Protein backbone atom coordinates (compact mmCIF):
# COMPACT_ATOMS: atom_id res chain seq x y z
CA MET A 1 14.10 -2.50 13.49
CA MET A 2 11.49 -2.54 10.72
CA GLY A 3 8.06 -1.36 11.84
CA VAL A 4 6.15 1.75 12.88
CA TYR A 5 7.55 4.24 15.39
CA GLU A 6 6.42 7.40 17.10
CA GLY A 7 8.56 9.98 18.86
CA LYS A 8 9.96 13.48 18.77
CA LEU A 9 12.66 15.47 17.05
CA ASN A 10 14.53 17.81 19.36
CA GLY A 11 12.12 16.80 22.13
CA LYS A 12 9.31 18.98 20.76
CA TYR A 13 8.37 18.01 17.18
CA PRO A 14 6.17 14.84 17.25
CA ILE A 15 6.67 12.54 14.26
CA ARG A 16 5.51 9.12 13.12
CA MET A 17 7.70 6.86 10.98
CA VAL A 18 7.40 3.53 9.19
CA LEU A 19 10.47 1.58 8.07
CA ARG A 20 10.34 -1.37 5.68
CA PRO A 21 12.90 -3.67 4.02
CA GLY A 22 14.13 -2.44 0.64
CA ASP A 23 14.94 -4.42 -2.50
CA THR A 24 18.31 -5.63 -1.17
CA ASP A 25 19.39 -7.11 2.16
CA SER A 26 20.87 -3.86 3.41
CA SER A 27 18.44 -1.32 1.89
CA VAL A 28 15.64 0.36 3.87
CA VAL A 29 12.66 2.41 2.69
CA GLY A 30 9.99 4.23 4.60
CA THR A 31 7.87 7.29 5.23
CA TYR A 32 7.52 9.76 8.05
CA TYR A 33 5.39 12.77 8.83
CA TYR A 34 5.04 15.49 11.44
CA LEU A 35 1.89 15.00 13.48
CA SER A 36 1.24 18.73 13.16
CA LYS A 37 1.10 18.54 9.33
CA GLY A 38 0.28 15.06 8.04
CA LYS A 39 2.37 15.52 4.88
CA PRO A 40 4.39 12.35 4.16
CA LEU A 41 8.10 12.52 3.38
CA GLU A 42 9.81 9.59 1.70
CA LEU A 43 12.79 7.82 3.27
CA ARG A 44 15.40 5.77 1.42
CA GLY A 45 18.64 4.40 2.73
CA TYR A 46 20.63 1.45 4.00
CA ILE A 47 21.88 -0.37 7.07
CA GLN A 48 25.43 0.64 7.96
CA PRO A 49 26.91 -2.40 9.74
CA SER A 50 30.59 -1.45 9.71
CA LEU A 51 30.49 1.16 12.47
CA SER A 52 31.05 0.31 16.13
CA THR A 53 27.35 1.07 16.60
CA PRO A 54 25.36 -0.21 13.56
CA SER A 55 22.93 2.34 12.20
CA ILE A 56 20.34 3.03 9.53
CA GLU A 57 21.27 5.95 7.29
CA LEU A 58 18.26 7.52 5.53
CA ARG A 59 17.79 10.41 3.14
CA GLU A 60 14.55 12.40 3.31
CA LEU A 61 12.75 13.23 0.05
CA ALA A 62 9.64 15.29 -0.66
CA PRO A 63 7.07 13.43 -2.85
CA THR A 64 8.05 15.21 -6.08
CA ASP A 65 11.74 15.72 -5.29
CA THR A 66 14.86 13.74 -6.11
CA VAL A 67 17.22 15.91 -4.05
CA PRO A 68 17.35 15.03 -0.33
CA THR A 69 15.80 17.62 1.96
CA GLY A 70 17.34 16.10 5.07
CA TRP A 71 19.00 13.00 6.56
CA PHE A 72 18.39 10.60 9.45
CA SER A 73 20.95 8.49 11.25
CA ILE A 74 19.25 5.95 13.55
CA SER A 75 21.21 3.69 15.91
CA LEU A 76 20.42 -0.02 15.94
CA GLY A 77 20.25 -2.17 19.04
CA THR A 78 18.76 0.47 21.36
CA GLU A 79 15.14 -0.74 21.43
CA PRO A 80 12.63 -0.43 23.06
CA GLU A 81 13.75 3.18 22.64
CA VAL A 82 15.22 4.20 19.29
CA LEU A 83 17.79 6.98 19.27
CA GLY A 84 19.32 8.95 16.45
CA HIS A 85 19.43 12.36 14.89
CA TRP A 86 18.18 14.35 11.90
CA TYR A 87 20.15 16.96 10.05
CA ASN A 88 19.19 19.29 7.23
CA LYS A 89 20.51 18.98 3.67
CA ASP A 90 23.32 21.46 4.33
CA GLY A 91 24.35 19.77 7.56
CA THR A 92 24.02 23.04 9.47
CA THR A 93 21.17 21.93 11.77
CA LEU A 94 21.31 18.79 13.91
CA LEU A 95 18.28 17.60 15.93
CA PRO A 96 18.22 14.61 18.30
CA LEU A 97 15.65 11.88 17.61
CA ARG A 98 13.93 9.66 20.17
CA MET A 99 11.21 7.13 19.18
CA LYS A 100 9.39 4.03 20.40
CA ARG A 101 7.82 1.22 18.41
CA ILE A 102 4.02 1.30 18.08
CA ASN A 103 2.21 -1.95 18.88
CA GLY A 104 -0.26 -2.16 16.00
CA ALA A 105 -2.37 -4.80 17.72
CA THR A 106 -3.56 -2.40 20.44
CA GLN A 107 -7.13 -1.19 20.25
CA PRO A 108 -7.50 1.86 18.00
CA ALA A 109 -8.27 5.37 19.23
CA ILE A 110 -10.30 5.86 16.02
CA PRO A 111 -12.20 2.63 15.22
CA SER A 112 -13.84 3.95 12.03
CA VAL A 113 -14.08 7.03 9.83
CA ARG A 114 -16.72 8.79 7.77
CA VAL A 115 -16.48 8.13 4.03
CA LYS A 116 -18.51 9.98 1.44
CA SER A 117 -18.28 10.29 -2.33
CA LYS A 118 -17.23 13.18 -4.51
CA THR A 119 -17.55 13.05 -8.30
CA TYR A 120 -15.41 15.08 -10.66
CA ILE A 121 -16.17 15.65 -14.35
CA LYS A 122 -19.11 13.17 -14.26
CA TYR A 123 -17.14 9.93 -14.26
CA TYR A 124 -14.48 10.19 -11.56
CA THR A 125 -15.84 9.30 -8.12
CA VAL A 126 -13.36 9.23 -5.23
CA PRO A 127 -13.76 8.71 -1.47
CA ILE A 128 -13.59 11.71 0.83
CA VAL A 129 -12.55 10.54 4.28
CA THR A 130 -13.35 12.61 7.36
CA VAL A 131 -11.71 11.92 10.71
CA PRO A 132 -11.33 14.07 13.87
CA ASN A 133 -7.56 14.27 13.50
CA ALA A 134 -6.07 16.82 11.09
CA ALA A 135 -2.78 14.99 10.48
CA LEU A 136 -4.51 11.66 9.85
CA MET A 137 -7.03 13.29 7.50
CA ALA A 138 -4.19 14.90 5.55
CA MET A 139 -2.49 11.51 5.21
CA LEU A 140 -5.70 9.85 3.97
CA GLU A 141 -6.16 12.64 1.44
CA GLN A 142 -2.75 11.77 0.00
CA TYR A 143 -3.98 8.27 -0.82
CA PHE A 144 -7.43 9.00 -2.20
CA SER A 145 -7.44 12.54 -3.62
CA PHE A 146 -8.21 13.07 -7.30
CA GLU A 147 -4.78 14.66 -7.80
CA ASN A 148 -2.99 11.66 -6.32
CA LEU A 149 -5.01 9.09 -8.24
CA MET A 150 -4.72 10.86 -11.60
CA HIS A 151 -1.22 12.25 -10.99
CA GLN A 152 -2.32 15.73 -12.05
CA SER A 153 -4.52 18.57 -10.88
CA ILE A 154 -8.18 18.85 -11.81
CA SER A 155 -7.50 22.01 -13.82
CA SER A 156 -4.73 20.38 -15.89
CA PHE A 157 -6.91 17.31 -16.43
CA ARG A 158 -9.78 19.48 -17.71
CA GLU A 159 -7.34 21.23 -20.04
CA GLU A 160 -6.10 17.88 -21.32
CA ILE A 161 -9.67 16.77 -22.10
CA ARG A 162 -10.38 20.07 -23.87
CA GLN A 163 -7.18 19.83 -25.93
CA ASN A 164 -7.92 16.24 -26.94
CA GLN A 165 -11.40 17.23 -28.08
CA GLU A 166 -9.97 20.09 -30.15
CA ASP A 167 -7.41 17.77 -31.74
CA GLY A 168 -10.00 15.07 -32.42
CA ILE A 169 -8.23 12.57 -30.16
CA HIS A 170 -10.59 9.93 -28.73
CA THR A 171 -8.99 8.06 -25.84
CA GLY A 172 -12.15 6.20 -24.76
CA LEU A 173 -14.30 6.96 -21.76
CA GLN A 174 -12.36 6.84 -18.52
CA SER A 175 -13.87 6.53 -15.08
CA ILE A 176 -12.99 5.88 -11.45
CA GLU A 177 -15.24 4.41 -8.80
CA TYR A 178 -14.53 2.92 -5.41
CA THR A 179 -15.78 0.28 -2.97
CA GLU A 180 -15.54 0.65 0.79
CA ASN A 181 -14.60 -2.88 1.84
CA HIS A 182 -13.97 -2.50 5.58
CA ASN A 183 -14.27 0.43 7.96
CA ALA A 184 -13.93 -0.88 11.50
CA ASN A 185 -11.35 -2.07 14.04
CA GLY A 186 -9.23 1.00 13.19
CA LEU A 187 -8.75 -0.32 9.65
CA LEU A 188 -9.97 1.27 6.42
CA SER A 189 -9.89 -0.85 3.25
CA ILE A 190 -10.91 0.77 -0.03
CA THR A 191 -10.65 -0.56 -3.59
CA LEU A 192 -10.57 1.81 -6.55
CA ARG A 193 -11.50 0.64 -10.04
CA ARG A 194 -10.36 2.43 -13.19
CA ASP A 195 -12.16 1.80 -16.50
CA VAL A 196 -11.32 2.77 -20.06
CA THR A 197 -13.87 1.92 -22.77
CA GLY A 198 -13.52 1.92 -26.54
CA ALA A 199 -11.15 0.07 -28.85
CA ASN A 200 -8.52 -0.40 -26.15
CA ALA A 201 -10.89 -1.12 -23.27
CA TRP A 202 -9.38 -2.22 -19.96
CA HIS A 203 -9.91 -1.91 -16.25
CA ASN A 204 -7.84 -2.46 -13.15
CA TYR A 205 -8.06 -2.38 -9.38
CA GLU A 206 -6.01 -0.71 -6.70
CA SER A 207 -6.69 -1.40 -3.03
CA GLN A 208 -5.43 0.38 0.06
CA THR A 209 -5.75 -0.89 3.61
CA ILE A 210 -4.87 1.88 6.05
CA ASP A 211 -4.10 1.59 9.75
CA LEU A 212 -6.12 4.42 11.32
CA ASN A 213 -3.84 4.31 14.37
CA THR A 214 -0.88 5.49 12.29
CA GLY A 215 -2.14 6.69 8.90
CA PHE A 216 0.17 4.27 7.08
CA PRO A 217 -0.84 1.65 4.49
CA ILE A 218 -0.53 -1.95 5.69
CA ILE A 219 1.66 -4.07 3.40
CA LEU A 220 0.54 -7.65 3.90
CA ALA A 221 3.92 -9.34 3.34
CA ASP A 222 5.49 -7.12 6.02
CA GLU A 223 2.89 -8.30 8.55
CA ILE A 224 3.79 -11.98 8.21
CA GLN A 225 6.33 -13.49 10.62
CA PRO A 226 9.49 -14.06 8.53
CA GLN A 227 9.90 -17.65 9.75
CA LYS A 228 6.32 -18.41 8.67
CA LEU A 229 6.33 -16.64 5.30
CA GLN A 230 7.01 -19.78 3.23
CA SER A 231 4.22 -21.68 5.01
CA PHE A 232 1.83 -18.79 4.34
CA LEU A 233 2.79 -18.74 0.65
CA ALA A 234 2.33 -22.52 0.48
CA LEU A 235 -1.24 -22.14 1.80
CA GLY A 236 -1.84 -19.38 -0.75
CA GLU A 237 -0.49 -21.69 -3.48
CA GLN A 238 -3.06 -24.36 -2.58
CA LYS A 239 -5.86 -21.82 -2.64
CA LEU A 240 -4.72 -20.30 -5.94
CA HIS A 241 -4.55 -23.74 -7.55
CA GLN A 242 -8.13 -24.40 -6.41
CA GLU A 243 -9.24 -21.14 -8.04
CA VAL A 244 -7.48 -22.09 -11.28
CA LEU A 245 -9.13 -25.53 -11.38
CA LYS A 246 -12.52 -23.94 -10.64
CA TYR A 247 -12.01 -21.48 -13.52
CA LEU A 248 -10.96 -24.21 -15.97
CA SER A 249 -13.92 -26.42 -15.03
CA VAL A 250 -16.37 -23.85 -16.46
CA SER A 251 -17.00 -24.62 -20.14
CA GLN A 252 -17.40 -20.94 -21.06
CA ASN A 253 -13.81 -20.43 -19.96
CA ALA A 254 -12.36 -22.77 -22.59
CA LEU A 255 -8.81 -21.68 -23.44
CA GLU A 256 -6.07 -22.58 -25.87
CA SER A 257 -3.71 -25.20 -24.46
CA VAL A 258 -0.90 -22.66 -24.04
CA ASP A 259 -3.13 -20.47 -21.83
CA GLU A 260 -4.45 -23.42 -19.86
CA HIS A 261 -0.89 -24.55 -19.22
CA GLY A 262 0.05 -20.99 -18.24
CA LEU A 263 -2.73 -20.90 -15.64
CA LEU A 264 -1.78 -24.27 -14.20
CA GLU A 265 1.80 -23.02 -13.75
CA GLN A 266 0.80 -20.02 -11.62
CA HIS A 267 2.47 -19.64 -8.23
CA PHE A 268 1.38 -17.68 -5.18
CA MET A 269 4.34 -15.46 -4.31
CA VAL A 270 5.03 -12.36 -2.25
CA SER A 271 3.99 -10.32 -5.29
CA SER A 272 0.56 -12.02 -5.10
CA THR A 273 -0.04 -10.25 -1.77
CA GLN A 274 0.67 -6.73 -3.03
CA GLU A 275 -2.92 -6.15 -4.11
CA TYR A 276 -5.26 -7.21 -1.30
CA ALA A 277 -8.39 -5.99 0.44
CA VAL A 278 -10.01 -6.61 3.82
CA PHE A 279 -13.63 -7.78 4.01
CA GLY A 280 -14.71 -8.25 7.63
CA LYS A 281 -13.55 -11.71 8.60
CA GLU A 282 -11.44 -12.39 5.52
CA ILE A 283 -8.87 -10.86 3.21
CA GLN A 284 -8.70 -11.27 -0.57
CA CYS A 285 -5.41 -11.23 -2.46
CA HIS A 286 -5.78 -10.31 -6.13
CA HIS A 287 -3.27 -12.58 -7.90
CA SER A 288 -2.09 -11.07 -11.18
CA VAL A 289 -1.73 -13.79 -13.83
CA ASN A 290 1.47 -13.72 -15.85
CA TYR A 291 3.26 -16.15 -18.16
CA ASP A 292 5.42 -15.88 -21.28
CA ALA A 293 2.71 -16.54 -23.88
CA LEU A 294 0.03 -14.39 -22.20
CA SER A 295 -1.60 -12.11 -24.76
CA ASN A 296 -3.09 -8.73 -23.98
CA MET A 297 -6.59 -9.97 -24.87
CA ILE A 298 -6.40 -13.03 -22.60
CA SER A 299 -4.86 -10.92 -19.83
CA LYS A 300 -7.98 -8.72 -19.81
CA LEU A 301 -10.15 -11.84 -19.36
CA PHE A 302 -8.26 -12.70 -16.17
CA THR A 303 -8.48 -9.28 -14.51
CA ASP A 304 -11.47 -10.11 -12.30
CA ASP A 305 -10.53 -13.70 -11.54
CA PHE A 306 -8.11 -15.46 -9.20
CA MET A 307 -8.88 -13.82 -5.90
CA VAL A 308 -7.20 -15.84 -3.17
CA HIS A 309 -9.25 -15.78 0.06
CA PHE A 310 -7.92 -16.17 3.60
CA THR A 311 -10.22 -16.13 6.60
CA THR A 312 -8.88 -14.17 9.55
CA ALA A 313 -8.72 -17.45 11.46
CA GLU A 314 -6.37 -18.80 8.77
CA LEU A 315 -4.36 -15.58 8.58
CA LYS A 316 -3.75 -14.75 12.24
CA PRO A 317 -1.34 -17.62 13.07
CA PHE A 318 1.02 -16.24 10.41
CA LEU A 319 0.85 -12.59 11.54
CA LYS A 320 3.37 -10.83 13.72
CA PRO A 321 1.94 -10.35 17.25
CA GLU A 322 2.06 -6.54 16.85
CA SER A 323 0.40 -6.49 13.40
CA PRO A 324 -2.62 -4.17 13.08
CA LEU A 325 -4.33 -6.99 11.18
CA GLN A 326 -4.50 -8.81 14.53
CA ARG A 327 -7.39 -6.43 15.32
CA LEU A 328 -9.60 -8.11 12.71
CA PRO A 329 -12.46 -10.19 14.13
């Protein structure tokens, strides 16, 4: 049942929905949006197996809300067509739901998009994505807008800077810049880098790979066939170990024994796939190093290292047949 679906509420309101496994065996998370608006609504719920017809029960939440704005009940075992209903938070309005699964491997209607830069307050450069589809453009704005990346409006951010200057608070120069990694095959992969300079200097990366057919981010672990996940992780483990040995072979990278041991004990896990980017005929997973004795200073040294590379030829045998990553060359 997990995957991407498209259909209609009440036979006249087109929607698109993605459902993913939650943190427990029975939990489900997801997102949906109306094709007329492109504003994502969060879904959280669980599989209800005890009924005569098993179902997924989901509560609908606005991005900044904790109180459900509506509910979905979706019957299991009815594919290729998925049936259910939506009702409002008061239970006074009930709308029938009918959806079908989207095959992500099909050729995209929009193979690429236009990406240009916009800089705010000198140091904050974000991608502005233009696409001839209003709902899709609204979805992309959710991922890359200044407000979403900084978790506040431009006006409140300016006020914060002004107040810090008045109070003599120096937080170090902050900046955002981005790299457009891949923009073809109906896939858009962008990496954002945040930098803070000064006494507590640090930087990090955040990548998004978006399926332009649906407007949803592609989570790599969800695209792997479940029966092949362990084999995929084993291949990643080999590649990660090679990267570690390569790093340790460089004399300038000499480490204390505790840190060297910590690196050698790294494992490529599902969490290692959370941060990844697409580059043409390969993907790069940014493995985040972690071990008990890891200090903050040493952690900063590792930020740019330990990228685990998979060619698309290596990746595709592990992918689900309907994965949008199957469209990669």
